């Protein structure tokens, strides 16, 4: 009996020692994170605004983590390919992504089954609000005149472009029309590969409106070929102080645009998320990031992991309603 008890004590001590060793090893592994380079997936092509934002925050993040952050573009399927690669990655913190607002749009249109619930939100770093741009020689002198014409003319009289069918600027503009008690599909949307080609169509008279972010209209505005009536933001954009907000002009508080944030696959370790969140906050506040975003006119907006998750959830229902009203729900 005594021998049995002694053996049990030895086994218990051994088990405790093993468990303690595992905990110490686990803690050491987390304390050492990251031990190797991190991959940051961008679901859009190189050279665009999302790509530039990703590469700038990656550079600032490298300084905080003392590890390389390698940006990889995974394009296709209107954002589906890149976002799918994010959620299918191993949740170890070494593959992250610059998720975009399309997370809240794609599944409503039947493009993918992915939703915001498939991601681990880490931090929001950007939010761009749509502006309402027309050609410099447009017959309408103000936002109010344009809206009155859209409201009174037959459906389909006006055309707009700036992204693909069901893309962020399409849905944001449709939601704005709804906010003004105008049917979401009153203006015909002409799909394009982005704001740049849409601007060319705008100045040539092929379309009437481009509701893209104001920075995307910068070159045409500076050339005197495009004018921006307003931006759907809470305040004027510092880089475009002469462009008023819709709230100033028509007392509209509608503000739906494109968010961008760092996220990983579902199931990431909370301690790794906390490490990344703190590093990202420092990177977000760095001169490297803030000066670049200010020079480009891109919007900077910070939300921590919890707040970012709440935003993703809230915007999902907002875009779901717009997609249904536009007639793109699947």
Foldseek 3Di string as FASTA:
>chain_A
DVVVVVVVVVVVVVVVVVVVVVVVVVVVPLVCPPPAEAEEEEADDPPDPSNVLVVLLQVLLCVLRVYHYHYDYQYDLLSPRRVVVQQPDDQALRYKYWDKLCLLFCVQLVSDVHHLQQWQFQKWWFWFWWFKKAWLPDPDDAPVRVLVCLQPDAQAPAEEEFAAVRDFQLLLVLVVCVLVVHQSRSHPYDHDHGRVVRVVCRLVVNGGIYGGGVLSCVVCVVVSTMDTRATQDPADQPVCNPHHHVCVVPVDNRTGTMIIGMIGGPDHDPSSSVSSNVSSVSSSPDCSNPVVCSVSSTGTDMDGSVRVSVVSVVVSVVSSVSCVSNPSGD
